[in-house]
Amino acid sequence: MALALKIILVIVSISLIVIVLAQSGKSAGLSGAIAGGAEQFFGKAKARGIDAFLHRMTVILAVLFMVLSILVAYFVRA
């Protein structure tokens, strides 16, 4: 049981890293610093696409990572 949880934890960890790295930054360089105010007005349309999906997957994988970490710690200790 502990071995299976550890393998799943490694897979979730790698997936979380990949998803976080695939997301675009909040301010993409100098253009983000200049047009930072425009992002508040026009950024809502962009959030419906891939960014919303990546954000949702990040939250799901982070919660799954925390739950699996607690379960692995419990089973290793017991």
C-alpha atoms as a PDB file:
ATOM      1  CA  MET A   1       0.000   0.000   0.000  1.00  0.00           C
ATOM      2  CA  ALA A   2       2.762   2.427   0.933  1.00  0.00           C
ATOM      3  CA  LEU A   3       4.687   1.652  -2.258  1.00  0.00           C
ATOM      4  CA  ALA A   4       1.656   2.316  -4.446  1.00  0.00           C
ATOM      5  CA  LEU A   5       1.008   5.637  -2.680  1.00  0.00           C
ATOM      6  CA  LYS A   6       4.652   6.651  -3.134  1.00  0.00           C
ATOM      7  CA  ILE A   7       4.515   5.900  -6.859  1.00  0.00           C
ATOM      8  CA  ILE A   8       1.289   7.902  -7.240  1.00  0.00           C
ATOM      9  CA  LEU A   9       2.853  10.745  -5.224  1.00  0.00           C
ATOM     10  CA  VAL A  10       5.846  10.893  -7.572  1.00  0.00           C
ATOM     11  CA  ILE A  11       3.562  10.958 -10.624  1.00  0.00           C
ATOM     12  CA  VAL A  12       1.423  13.738  -9.116  1.00  0.00           C
ATOM     13  CA  SER A  13       4.553  15.694  -8.147  1.00  0.00           C
ATOM     14  CA  ILE A  14       5.997  15.575 -11.658  1.00  0.00           C
ATOM     15  CA  SER A  15       2.607  16.479 -13.138  1.00  0.00           C
ATOM     16  CA  LEU A  16       2.293  19.454 -10.789  1.00  0.00           C
ATOM     17  CA  ILE A  17       5.743  20.717 -11.774  1.00  0.00           C
ATOM     18  CA  VAL A  18       4.942  20.421 -15.491  1.00  0.00           C
ATOM     19  CA  ILE A  19       1.573  22.185 -15.121  1.00  0.00           C
ATOM     20  CA  VAL A  20       3.080  25.058 -13.138  1.00  0.00           C
ATOM     21  CA  LEU A  21       5.879  25.527 -15.663  1.00  0.00           C
ATOM     22  CA  ALA A  22       3.388  25.501 -18.545  1.00  0.00           C
ATOM     23  CA  GLN A  23       1.487  28.483 -17.165  1.00  0.00           C
ATOM     24  CA  SER A  24       2.206  31.963 -18.427  1.00  0.00           C
ATOM     25  CA  GLY A  25       3.542  34.514 -15.986  1.00  0.00           C
ATOM     26  CA  LYS A  26       1.462  37.360 -14.595  1.00  0.00           C
ATOM     27  CA  SER A  27       3.794  39.960 -16.070  1.00  0.00           C
ATOM     28  CA  ALA A  28       5.608  38.752 -19.152  1.00  0.00           C
ATOM     29  CA  GLY A  29       8.730  40.903 -19.113  1.00  0.00           C
ATOM     30  CA  LEU A  30       8.837  44.626 -19.824  1.00  0.00           C
ATOM     31  CA  SER A  31       5.596  44.615 -21.803  1.00  0.00           C
ATOM     32  CA  GLY A  32       3.802  43.289 -18.737  1.00  0.00           C
ATOM     33  CA  ALA A  33       5.188  46.127 -16.639  1.00  0.00           C
ATOM     34  CA  ILE A  34       4.031  48.758 -19.131  1.00  0.00           C
ATOM     35  CA  ALA A  35       0.623  47.250 -19.906  1.00  0.00           C
ATOM     36  CA  GLY A  36      -0.096  45.928 -16.434  1.00  0.00           C
ATOM     37  CA  GLY A  37      -3.268  47.976 -16.049  1.00  0.00           C
ATOM     38  CA  ALA A  38      -4.670  46.716 -19.330  1.00  0.00           C
ATOM     39  CA  GLU A  39      -4.429  43.138 -18.057  1.00  0.00           C
ATOM     40  CA  GLN A  40      -7.141  43.861 -15.510  1.00  0.00           C
ATOM     41  CA  PHE A  41      -9.592  44.909 -18.232  1.00  0.00           C
ATOM     42  CA  PHE A  42      -8.691  42.543 -21.054  1.00  0.00           C
ATOM     43  CA  GLY A  43      -7.359  39.632 -19.029  1.00  0.00           C
ATOM     44  CA  LYS A  44     -10.794  38.196 -18.283  1.00  0.00           C
ATOM     45  CA  ALA A  45     -11.304  36.993 -21.863  1.00  0.00           C
ATOM     46  CA  LYS A  46      -7.992  35.150 -21.789  1.00  0.00           C
ATOM     47  CA  ALA A  47      -8.918  33.365 -18.564  1.00  0.00           C
ATOM     48  CA  ARG A  48     -11.621  31.345 -20.308  1.00  0.00           C
ATOM     49  CA  GLY A  49      -9.170  29.283 -22.327  1.00  0.00           C
ATOM     50  CA  ILE A  50      -6.061  27.324 -21.523  1.00  0.00           C
ATOM     51  CA  ASP A  51      -5.101  29.509 -18.558  1.00  0.00           C
ATOM     52  CA  ALA A  52      -8.305  28.598 -16.739  1.00  0.00           C
ATOM     53  CA  PHE A  53      -7.706  24.917 -17.422  1.00  0.00           C
ATOM     54  CA  LEU A  54      -4.104  25.105 -16.191  1.00  0.00           C
ATOM     55  CA  HIS A  55      -5.197  26.996 -13.074  1.00  0.00           C
ATOM     56  CA  ARG A  56      -7.891  24.414 -12.309  1.00  0.00           C
ATOM     57  CA  MET A  57      -5.441  21.534 -12.839  1.00  0.00           C
ATOM     58  CA  THR A  58      -2.892  23.232 -10.571  1.00  0.00           C
ATOM     59  CA  VAL A  59      -5.419  23.467  -7.748  1.00  0.00           C
ATOM     60  CA  ILE A  60      -6.544  19.856  -8.179  1.00  0.00           C
ATOM     61  CA  LEU A  61      -2.997  18.497  -8.319  1.00  0.00           C
ATOM     62  CA  ALA A  62      -1.912  20.592  -5.321  1.00  0.00           C
ATOM     63  CA  VAL A  63      -4.768  19.268  -3.179  1.00  0.00           C
ATOM     64  CA  LEU A  64      -4.055  15.723  -4.359  1.00  0.00           C
ATOM     65  CA  PHE A  65      -0.366  16.205  -3.544  1.00  0.00           C
ATOM     66  CA  MET A  66      -1.128  17.336   0.001  1.00  0.00           C
ATOM     67  CA  VAL A  67      -3.545  14.464   0.652  1.00  0.00           C
ATOM     68  CA  LEU A  68      -1.128  11.891  -0.734  1.00  0.00           C
ATOM     69  CA  SER A  69       1.743  13.352   1.309  1.00  0.00           C
ATOM     70  CA  ILE A  70      -0.273  12.996   4.503  1.00  0.00           C
ATOM     71  CA  LEU A  71      -1.287   9.435   3.608  1.00  0.00           C
ATOM     72  CA  VAL A  72       2.287   8.400   2.799  1.00  0.00           C
ATOM     73  CA  ALA A  73       3.542   9.903   6.069  1.00  0.00           C
ATOM     74  CA  TYR A  74       0.817   8.040   7.972  1.00  0.00           C
ATOM     75  CA  PHE A  75       1.524   4.660   6.352  1.00  0.00           C
ATOM     76  CA  VAL A  76       5.305   4.956   6.648  1.00  0.00           C
ATOM     77  CA  ARG A  77       5.010   5.825  10.335  1.00  0.00           C
ATOM     78  CA  ALA A  78       2.554   3.034  11.151  1.00  0.00           C
END
